[in-house]
Amino acid sequence: MEPQLDLRDIHLPPPVGWWPPAPGWWLAPLLAVALTLILWLVWKRLIRNPLRKAVLRELAAIEALDGLEPAEKARRVSVLLRRTCLTLYPRQEVAGLTGQAWLDRLDSVLGDRRFRDGPGRCLADAPYRPASEADPAALFALCRDWARKLPRPARRAH
């Protein structure tokens, strides 16, 4: 009869836990965050708001015209703002606005009363006056603020 050996049963190692993940798994979320950030920056830079850029560019062009009287500059700014509003809002809402209602519509973008009570007041009647007492620098600064707060144009079904 053989002598019995003092052997122990097979011991398995403990199961592998899910935490902490291997070093390669740490790279996946970092790459996802970096890719998201890059895409967001590209979107912000390229697709942001072309209407805003166009309005700011045209405002700068009007402001740079040296041979124009302040009244003529105010008239051109008024036309630009009206064209912009016709692009943003339904025609029946903005096409017929004049006077205080027009200034209130412009103020609705800013959330204050700088058109109605400030330098933008001249836009209510600038297209109809031969001379204007408008302060061109203050008017252009106000219009730049207004353009920077423009909402993105909604896509319209044709």
N, C-alpha and C. Protein backbone atom coordinates (compact mmCIF):
# COMPACT_ATOMS: atom_id res chain seq x y z
N MET A 1 0.82 -1.14 0.00
CA MET A 1 0.00 0.00 0.00
C MET A 1 0.88 1.23 0.00
N GLU A 2 0.50 2.15 -0.77
CA GLU A 2 1.31 3.34 -0.91
C GLU A 2 1.02 4.32 0.21
N PRO A 3 2.06 5.00 0.63
CA PRO A 3 1.78 5.99 1.67
C PRO A 3 1.04 7.19 1.07
N GLN A 4 0.13 7.71 1.78
CA GLN A 4 -0.66 8.83 1.29
C GLN A 4 0.13 10.13 1.42
N LEU A 5 0.15 10.86 0.33
CA LEU A 5 0.88 12.13 0.31
C LEU A 5 0.01 13.23 0.89
N ASP A 6 0.65 14.16 1.52
CA ASP A 6 -0.06 15.29 2.11
C ASP A 6 -0.19 16.41 1.07
N LEU A 7 -1.15 16.26 0.17
CA LEU A 7 -1.36 17.24 -0.91
C LEU A 7 -2.60 18.08 -0.62
N ARG A 8 -2.53 19.28 -1.05
CA ARG A 8 -3.70 20.15 -0.92
C ARG A 8 -4.42 20.22 -2.26
N ASP A 9 -5.69 20.62 -2.20
CA ASP A 9 -6.50 20.75 -3.41
C ASP A 9 -6.03 21.98 -4.20
N ILE A 10 -6.39 22.05 -5.46
CA ILE A 10 -5.99 23.16 -6.32
C ILE A 10 -6.70 24.43 -5.85
N HIS A 11 -5.91 25.49 -5.73
CA HIS A 11 -6.47 26.78 -5.34
C HIS A 11 -6.43 27.72 -6.55
N LEU A 12 -7.58 28.22 -6.94
CA LEU A 12 -7.67 29.17 -8.05
C LEU A 12 -7.42 30.60 -7.54
N PRO A 13 -6.83 31.44 -8.38
CA PRO A 13 -6.62 32.83 -7.95
C PRO A 13 -7.97 33.54 -7.86
N PRO A 14 -8.05 34.63 -7.11
CA PRO A 14 -9.32 35.36 -7.03
C PRO A 14 -9.68 35.93 -8.40
N PRO A 15 -10.97 36.11 -8.68
CA PRO A 15 -11.36 36.67 -9.98
C PRO A 15 -10.81 38.10 -10.15
N VAL A 16 -10.55 38.45 -11.39
CA VAL A 16 -10.00 39.77 -11.71
C VAL A 16 -11.12 40.79 -11.56
N GLY A 17 -10.87 41.85 -10.82
CA GLY A 17 -11.87 42.89 -10.61
C GLY A 17 -11.95 43.86 -11.78
N TRP A 18 -13.02 44.62 -11.85
CA TRP A 18 -13.19 45.57 -12.95
C TRP A 18 -12.50 46.89 -12.64
N TRP A 19 -12.11 47.09 -11.40
CA TRP A 19 -11.46 48.34 -11.03
C TRP A 19 -10.13 48.05 -10.38
N PRO A 20 -9.13 48.73 -10.65
CA PRO A 20 -8.92 49.81 -11.62
C PRO A 20 -8.71 49.23 -13.01
N PRO A 21 -9.15 49.95 -14.01
CA PRO A 21 -8.96 49.46 -15.38
C PRO A 21 -7.49 49.50 -15.78
N ALA A 22 -7.20 48.77 -16.81
CA ALA A 22 -5.84 48.74 -17.33
C ALA A 22 -5.49 50.11 -17.92
N PRO A 23 -4.21 50.44 -18.00
CA PRO A 23 -3.81 51.77 -18.49
C PRO A 23 -4.38 52.12 -19.87
N GLY A 24 -4.55 51.17 -20.74
CA GLY A 24 -5.09 51.46 -22.07
C GLY A 24 -6.52 51.95 -22.03
N TRP A 25 -7.28 51.53 -21.04
CA TRP A 25 -8.66 51.97 -20.93
C TRP A 25 -8.77 53.42 -20.48
N TRP A 26 -7.74 53.95 -19.86
CA TRP A 26 -7.77 55.35 -19.46
C TRP A 26 -7.65 56.27 -20.67
N LEU A 27 -7.04 55.79 -21.74
CA LEU A 27 -6.87 56.62 -22.93
C LEU A 27 -8.17 56.83 -23.70
N ALA A 28 -9.06 55.85 -23.68
CA ALA A 28 -10.30 55.96 -24.45
C ALA A 28 -11.13 57.18 -24.03
N PRO A 29 -11.42 57.39 -22.74
CA PRO A 29 -12.19 58.59 -22.38
C PRO A 29 -11.44 59.89 -22.66
N LEU A 30 -10.12 59.87 -22.46
CA LEU A 30 -9.35 61.07 -22.75
C LEU A 30 -9.40 61.43 -24.23
N LEU A 31 -9.30 60.43 -25.09
CA LEU A 31 -9.40 60.67 -26.53
C LEU A 31 -10.80 61.14 -26.90
N ALA A 32 -11.83 60.59 -26.28
CA ALA A 32 -13.21 61.00 -26.57
C ALA A 32 -13.41 62.47 -26.17
N VAL A 33 -12.91 62.87 -25.02
CA VAL A 33 -13.05 64.25 -24.57
C VAL A 33 -12.27 65.19 -25.50
N ALA A 34 -11.06 64.79 -25.87
CA ALA A 34 -10.25 65.63 -26.76
C ALA A 34 -10.92 65.78 -28.13
N LEU A 35 -11.44 64.70 -28.67
CA LEU A 35 -12.11 64.75 -29.97
C LEU A 35 -13.37 65.62 -29.90
N THR A 36 -14.13 65.50 -28.82
CA THR A 36 -15.33 66.33 -28.64
C THR A 36 -14.95 67.80 -28.57
N LEU A 37 -13.91 68.11 -27.83
CA LEU A 37 -13.46 69.50 -27.72
C LEU A 37 -13.00 70.05 -29.07
N ILE A 38 -12.27 69.28 -29.82
CA ILE A 38 -11.81 69.71 -31.14
C ILE A 38 -12.99 69.95 -32.07
N LEU A 39 -13.95 69.03 -32.09
CA LEU A 39 -15.12 69.19 -32.95
C LEU A 39 -15.94 70.41 -32.55
N TRP A 40 -16.07 70.65 -31.25
CA TRP A 40 -16.82 71.81 -30.78
C TRP A 40 -16.13 73.10 -31.21
N LEU A 41 -14.81 73.16 -31.10
CA LEU A 41 -14.07 74.36 -31.52
C LEU A 41 -14.19 74.59 -33.02
N VAL A 42 -14.12 73.52 -33.80
CA VAL A 42 -14.26 73.65 -35.25
C VAL A 42 -15.66 74.14 -35.59
N TRP A 43 -16.67 73.57 -34.94
CA TRP A 43 -18.06 73.98 -35.18
C TRP A 43 -18.23 75.45 -34.81
N LYS A 44 -17.70 75.85 -33.67
CA LYS A 44 -17.85 77.22 -33.22
C LYS A 44 -17.17 78.19 -34.18
N ARG A 45 -16.04 77.79 -34.71
CA ARG A 45 -15.26 78.65 -35.59
C ARG A 45 -15.87 78.76 -36.99
N LEU A 46 -16.31 77.65 -37.55
CA LEU A 46 -16.73 77.62 -38.95
C LEU A 46 -18.23 77.82 -39.16
N ILE A 47 -19.04 77.26 -38.27
CA ILE A 47 -20.47 77.21 -38.55
C ILE A 47 -21.26 78.11 -37.61
N ARG A 48 -20.64 78.86 -36.81
CA ARG A 48 -21.27 79.56 -35.70
C ARG A 48 -22.51 80.35 -36.12
N ASN A 49 -22.36 81.53 -36.62
CA ASN A 49 -23.51 82.34 -37.03
C ASN A 49 -23.08 83.25 -38.17
N PRO A 50 -23.27 82.79 -39.39
CA PRO A 50 -22.83 83.60 -40.53
C PRO A 50 -23.59 84.93 -40.64
N LEU A 51 -24.83 84.98 -40.19
CA LEU A 51 -25.58 86.23 -40.25
C LEU A 51 -24.92 87.28 -39.36
N ARG A 52 -24.52 86.88 -38.16
CA ARG A 52 -23.86 87.80 -37.23
C ARG A 52 -22.59 88.37 -37.86
N LYS A 53 -21.80 87.50 -38.47
CA LYS A 53 -20.56 87.96 -39.10
C LYS A 53 -20.84 88.92 -40.24
N ALA A 54 -21.86 88.63 -41.04
CA ALA A 54 -22.20 89.50 -42.17
C ALA A 54 -22.67 90.86 -41.69
N VAL A 55 -23.48 90.89 -40.64
CA VAL A 55 -23.98 92.17 -40.12
C VAL A 55 -22.83 92.99 -39.56
N LEU A 56 -21.95 92.36 -38.80
CA LEU A 56 -20.80 93.08 -38.24
C LEU A 56 -19.89 93.61 -39.34
N ARG A 57 -19.71 92.82 -40.39
CA ARG A 57 -18.87 93.25 -41.51
C ARG A 57 -19.50 94.45 -42.23
N GLU A 58 -20.82 94.40 -42.45
CA GLU A 58 -21.47 95.51 -43.13
C GLU A 58 -21.54 96.77 -42.27
N LEU A 59 -21.70 96.58 -40.95
CA LEU A 59 -21.65 97.74 -40.05
C LEU A 59 -20.29 98.43 -40.12
N ALA A 60 -19.23 97.63 -40.13
CA ALA A 60 -17.88 98.20 -40.22
C ALA A 60 -17.70 98.93 -41.54
N ALA A 61 -18.26 98.40 -42.61
CA ALA A 61 -18.15 99.06 -43.92
C ALA A 61 -18.88 100.40 -43.92
N ILE A 62 -20.07 100.44 -43.32
CA ILE A 62 -20.81 101.70 -43.26
C ILE A 62 -20.06 102.72 -42.39
N GLU A 63 -19.53 102.24 -41.27
CA GLU A 63 -18.81 103.13 -40.37
C GLU A 63 -17.55 103.70 -41.02
N ALA A 64 -16.93 102.93 -41.90
CA ALA A 64 -15.68 103.34 -42.53
C ALA A 64 -15.89 104.35 -43.66
N LEU A 65 -17.12 104.54 -44.11
CA LEU A 65 -17.38 105.49 -45.18
C LEU A 65 -17.22 106.91 -44.63
N ASP A 66 -16.17 107.59 -45.06
CA ASP A 66 -15.85 108.91 -44.51
C ASP A 66 -16.67 110.04 -45.13
N GLY A 67 -17.08 109.90 -46.36
CA GLY A 67 -17.76 111.00 -47.04
C GLY A 67 -19.23 111.13 -46.70
N LEU A 68 -19.77 110.29 -45.83
CA LEU A 68 -21.20 110.33 -45.53
C LEU A 68 -21.50 111.18 -44.30
N GLU A 69 -22.62 111.86 -44.37
CA GLU A 69 -23.13 112.61 -43.22
C GLU A 69 -23.62 111.61 -42.17
N PRO A 70 -23.66 112.00 -40.90
CA PRO A 70 -24.19 111.11 -39.86
C PRO A 70 -25.62 110.66 -40.14
N ALA A 71 -26.42 111.54 -40.74
CA ALA A 71 -27.81 111.18 -41.05
C ALA A 71 -27.85 110.04 -42.08
N GLU A 72 -26.98 110.10 -43.08
CA GLU A 72 -26.94 109.06 -44.10
C GLU A 72 -26.44 107.74 -43.51
N LYS A 73 -25.46 107.83 -42.62
CA LYS A 73 -24.98 106.60 -41.95
C LYS A 73 -26.09 105.99 -41.12
N ALA A 74 -26.85 106.82 -40.41
CA ALA A 74 -27.97 106.31 -39.60
C ALA A 74 -29.02 105.67 -40.50
N ARG A 75 -29.28 106.27 -41.66
CA ARG A 75 -30.25 105.66 -42.60
C ARG A 75 -29.77 104.29 -43.07
N ARG A 76 -28.50 104.19 -43.40
CA ARG A 76 -27.96 102.91 -43.88
C ARG A 76 -27.97 101.86 -42.77
N VAL A 77 -27.66 102.28 -41.56
CA VAL A 77 -27.71 101.34 -40.43
C VAL A 77 -29.14 100.87 -40.22
N SER A 78 -30.10 101.78 -40.32
CA SER A 78 -31.51 101.43 -40.15
C SER A 78 -31.94 100.38 -41.18
N VAL A 79 -31.52 100.58 -42.41
CA VAL A 79 -31.85 99.62 -43.48
C VAL A 79 -31.20 98.27 -43.20
N LEU A 80 -29.96 98.29 -42.75
CA LEU A 80 -29.26 97.04 -42.44
C LEU A 80 -29.97 96.28 -41.31
N LEU A 81 -30.36 96.98 -40.26
CA LEU A 81 -31.03 96.31 -39.15
C LEU A 81 -32.39 95.77 -39.57
N ARG A 82 -33.08 96.51 -40.42
CA ARG A 82 -34.38 96.01 -40.89
C ARG A 82 -34.20 94.78 -41.77
N ARG A 83 -33.22 94.79 -42.65
CA ARG A 83 -32.94 93.59 -43.48
C ARG A 83 -32.59 92.39 -42.61
N THR A 84 -31.81 92.65 -41.56
CA THR A 84 -31.42 91.57 -40.66
C THR A 84 -32.65 91.00 -39.95
N CYS A 85 -33.52 91.86 -39.47
CA CYS A 85 -34.73 91.39 -38.79
C CYS A 85 -35.64 90.64 -39.75
N LEU A 86 -35.70 91.07 -40.99
CA LEU A 86 -36.52 90.34 -41.98
C LEU A 86 -35.94 88.96 -42.26
N THR A 87 -34.64 88.81 -42.09
CA THR A 87 -34.01 87.50 -42.25
C THR A 87 -34.31 86.60 -41.06
N LEU A 88 -34.33 87.19 -39.87
CA LEU A 88 -34.49 86.40 -38.65
C LEU A 88 -35.93 86.05 -38.33
N TYR A 89 -36.83 86.96 -38.54
CA TYR A 89 -38.21 86.81 -38.08
C TYR A 89 -39.16 86.76 -39.26
N PRO A 90 -40.36 86.23 -39.05
CA PRO A 90 -41.34 86.22 -40.14
C PRO A 90 -41.67 87.64 -40.60
N ARG A 91 -41.83 87.78 -41.90
CA ARG A 91 -42.04 89.09 -42.51
C ARG A 91 -43.23 89.84 -41.89
N GLN A 92 -44.32 89.13 -41.63
CA GLN A 92 -45.50 89.79 -41.09
C GLN A 92 -45.28 90.34 -39.68
N GLU A 93 -44.25 89.86 -38.98
CA GLU A 93 -43.97 90.36 -37.63
C GLU A 93 -43.13 91.63 -37.64
N VAL A 94 -42.27 91.82 -38.63
CA VAL A 94 -41.34 92.95 -38.57
C VAL A 94 -41.45 93.93 -39.73
N ALA A 95 -42.02 93.57 -40.83
CA ALA A 95 -42.00 94.44 -42.01
C ALA A 95 -42.75 95.75 -41.78
N GLY A 96 -43.82 95.72 -41.03
CA GLY A 96 -44.62 96.93 -40.84
C GLY A 96 -44.29 97.72 -39.59
N LEU A 97 -43.27 97.33 -38.85
CA LEU A 97 -42.95 98.02 -37.61
C LEU A 97 -42.31 99.38 -37.89
N THR A 98 -42.77 100.39 -37.17
CA THR A 98 -42.19 101.72 -37.26
C THR A 98 -42.17 102.34 -35.87
N GLY A 99 -41.45 103.42 -35.72
CA GLY A 99 -41.45 104.18 -34.48
C GLY A 99 -41.05 103.36 -33.26
N GLN A 100 -41.83 103.53 -32.20
CA GLN A 100 -41.53 102.85 -30.93
C GLN A 100 -41.62 101.33 -31.05
N ALA A 101 -42.53 100.83 -31.86
CA ALA A 101 -42.64 99.37 -32.03
C ALA A 101 -41.37 98.81 -32.67
N TRP A 102 -40.79 99.53 -33.62
CA TRP A 102 -39.55 99.09 -34.25
C TRP A 102 -38.40 99.10 -33.24
N LEU A 103 -38.31 100.15 -32.45
CA LEU A 103 -37.26 100.22 -31.44
C LEU A 103 -37.44 99.14 -30.37
N ASP A 104 -38.69 98.85 -30.02
CA ASP A 104 -38.95 97.77 -29.05
C ASP A 104 -38.51 96.42 -29.59
N ARG A 105 -38.71 96.20 -30.89
CA ARG A 105 -38.27 94.93 -31.51
C ARG A 105 -36.75 94.83 -31.46
N LEU A 106 -36.06 95.92 -31.75
CA LEU A 106 -34.60 95.91 -31.67
C LEU A 106 -34.14 95.70 -30.23
N ASP A 107 -34.82 96.32 -29.28
CA ASP A 107 -34.47 96.15 -27.86
C ASP A 107 -34.72 94.73 -27.37
N SER A 108 -35.63 94.02 -28.00
CA SER A 108 -35.93 92.65 -27.55
C SER A 108 -34.72 91.73 -27.72
N VAL A 109 -33.86 92.03 -28.67
CA VAL A 109 -32.65 91.22 -28.86
C VAL A 109 -31.67 91.48 -27.73
N LEU A 110 -31.54 92.74 -27.32
CA LEU A 110 -30.58 93.11 -26.29
C LEU A 110 -31.09 92.84 -24.88
N GLY A 111 -32.40 92.90 -24.70
CA GLY A 111 -32.96 92.71 -23.37
C GLY A 111 -32.92 93.97 -22.52
N ASP A 112 -32.70 95.11 -23.14
CA ASP A 112 -32.74 96.38 -22.41
C ASP A 112 -33.42 97.42 -23.31
N ARG A 113 -33.27 98.70 -22.98
CA ARG A 113 -33.98 99.75 -23.73
C ARG A 113 -33.02 100.75 -24.35
N ARG A 114 -31.87 100.28 -24.83
CA ARG A 114 -30.89 101.21 -25.40
C ARG A 114 -31.29 101.75 -26.76
N PHE A 115 -32.14 101.05 -27.48
CA PHE A 115 -32.63 101.61 -28.74
C PHE A 115 -33.73 102.62 -28.45
N ARG A 116 -34.62 102.27 -27.57
CA ARG A 116 -35.75 103.14 -27.28
C ARG A 116 -35.34 104.41 -26.51
N ASP A 117 -34.45 104.25 -25.54
CA ASP A 117 -34.10 105.38 -24.68
C ASP A 117 -32.67 105.88 -24.86
N GLY A 118 -31.89 105.22 -25.70
CA GLY A 118 -30.48 105.59 -25.82
C GLY A 118 -30.13 106.07 -27.22
N PRO A 119 -28.91 105.77 -27.64
CA PRO A 119 -28.43 106.27 -28.93
C PRO A 119 -29.17 105.67 -30.13
N GLY A 120 -29.86 104.58 -29.94
CA GLY A 120 -30.60 103.97 -31.05
C GLY A 120 -31.91 104.66 -31.35
N ARG A 121 -32.28 105.62 -30.54
CA ARG A 121 -33.55 106.34 -30.72
C ARG A 121 -33.64 107.00 -32.09
N CYS A 122 -32.51 107.41 -32.63
CA CYS A 122 -32.52 108.10 -33.92
C CYS A 122 -32.99 107.19 -35.06
N LEU A 123 -32.96 105.87 -34.86
CA LEU A 123 -33.35 104.95 -35.94
C LEU A 123 -34.86 104.96 -36.19
N ALA A 124 -35.63 105.47 -35.25
CA ALA A 124 -37.08 105.51 -35.44
C ALA A 124 -37.46 106.44 -36.58
N ASP A 125 -36.71 107.53 -36.74
CA ASP A 125 -37.07 108.49 -37.79
C ASP A 125 -35.90 108.89 -38.68
N ALA A 126 -34.76 108.27 -38.52
CA ALA A 126 -33.59 108.63 -39.34
C ALA A 126 -33.84 108.49 -40.84
N PRO A 127 -34.56 107.46 -41.29
CA PRO A 127 -34.77 107.37 -42.73
C PRO A 127 -35.62 108.51 -43.30
N TYR A 128 -36.32 109.24 -42.44
CA TYR A 128 -37.25 110.25 -42.93
C TYR A 128 -36.79 111.67 -42.66
N ARG A 129 -35.68 111.85 -41.99
CA ARG A 129 -35.19 113.19 -41.65
C ARG A 129 -34.03 113.57 -42.55
N PRO A 130 -33.98 114.83 -42.97
CA PRO A 130 -32.83 115.26 -43.78
C PRO A 130 -31.55 115.36 -42.96
N ALA A 131 -31.66 115.69 -41.68
CA ALA A 131 -30.49 115.79 -40.81
C ALA A 131 -30.78 115.01 -39.54
N SER A 132 -29.75 114.48 -38.95
CA SER A 132 -29.93 113.67 -37.75
C SER A 132 -28.99 114.16 -36.66
N GLU A 133 -29.47 114.13 -35.43
CA GLU A 133 -28.63 114.51 -34.31
C GLU A 133 -27.99 113.27 -33.67
N ALA A 134 -27.89 112.20 -34.43
CA ALA A 134 -27.35 110.94 -33.93
C ALA A 134 -25.86 111.05 -33.66
N ASP A 135 -25.42 110.37 -32.62
CA ASP A 135 -24.00 110.24 -32.31
C ASP A 135 -23.53 108.96 -33.02
N PRO A 136 -22.82 109.08 -34.13
CA PRO A 136 -22.46 107.89 -34.91
C PRO A 136 -21.66 106.86 -34.11
N ALA A 137 -20.73 107.30 -33.28
CA ALA A 137 -19.90 106.34 -32.53
C ALA A 137 -20.76 105.52 -31.57
N ALA A 138 -21.66 106.20 -30.85
CA ALA A 138 -22.53 105.49 -29.90
C ALA A 138 -23.50 104.57 -30.65
N LEU A 139 -24.01 105.04 -31.79
CA LEU A 139 -24.94 104.23 -32.57
C LEU A 139 -24.25 102.96 -33.09
N PHE A 140 -23.05 103.09 -33.61
CA PHE A 140 -22.35 101.91 -34.12
C PHE A 140 -21.97 100.95 -32.99
N ALA A 141 -21.59 101.47 -31.84
CA ALA A 141 -21.28 100.60 -30.70
C ALA A 141 -22.53 99.83 -30.27
N LEU A 142 -23.67 100.51 -30.23
CA LEU A 142 -24.93 99.85 -29.88
C LEU A 142 -25.29 98.78 -30.91
N CYS A 143 -25.14 99.09 -32.18
CA CYS A 143 -25.49 98.13 -33.23
C CYS A 143 -24.55 96.93 -33.23
N ARG A 144 -23.28 97.14 -32.89
CA ARG A 144 -22.36 95.99 -32.76
C ARG A 144 -22.79 95.09 -31.61
N ASP A 145 -23.17 95.69 -30.47
CA ASP A 145 -23.68 94.89 -29.35
C ASP A 145 -24.91 94.10 -29.78
N TRP A 146 -25.80 94.77 -30.51
CA TRP A 146 -27.03 94.13 -30.98
C TRP A 146 -26.70 92.95 -31.89
N ALA A 147 -25.76 93.15 -32.81
CA ALA A 147 -25.41 92.10 -33.77
C ALA A 147 -24.78 90.91 -33.06
N ARG A 148 -24.00 91.16 -32.02
CA ARG A 148 -23.35 90.06 -31.29
C ARG A 148 -24.35 89.21 -30.52
N LYS A 149 -25.51 89.76 -30.22
CA LYS A 149 -26.53 89.00 -29.48
C LYS A 149 -27.61 88.42 -30.38
N LEU A 150 -27.43 88.52 -31.68
CA LEU A 150 -28.43 87.99 -32.59
C LEU A 150 -28.58 86.49 -32.42
N PRO A 151 -29.82 85.99 -32.44
CA PRO A 151 -29.99 84.54 -32.41
C PRO A 151 -29.62 83.95 -33.76
N ARG A 152 -29.39 82.68 -33.76
CA ARG A 152 -29.09 81.99 -35.00
C ARG A 152 -30.37 81.91 -35.84
N PRO A 153 -30.29 82.19 -37.14
CA PRO A 153 -31.50 82.13 -37.97
C PRO A 153 -32.08 80.73 -37.97
N ALA A 154 -33.40 80.67 -37.83
CA ALA A 154 -34.09 79.38 -37.88
C ALA A 154 -34.21 78.95 -39.34
N ARG A 155 -34.12 77.67 -39.54
CA ARG A 155 -34.30 77.16 -40.90
C ARG A 155 -35.76 77.18 -41.24
N ARG A 156 -36.05 77.74 -42.38
CA ARG A 156 -37.44 77.85 -42.80
C ARG A 156 -37.74 76.83 -43.89
N ALA A 157 -38.93 76.27 -43.81
CA ALA A 157 -39.35 75.33 -44.85
C ALA A 157 -39.77 76.14 -46.08
N HIS A 158 -39.30 75.71 -47.24
CA HIS A 158 -39.63 76.44 -48.47
C HIS A 158 -40.71 75.73 -49.23
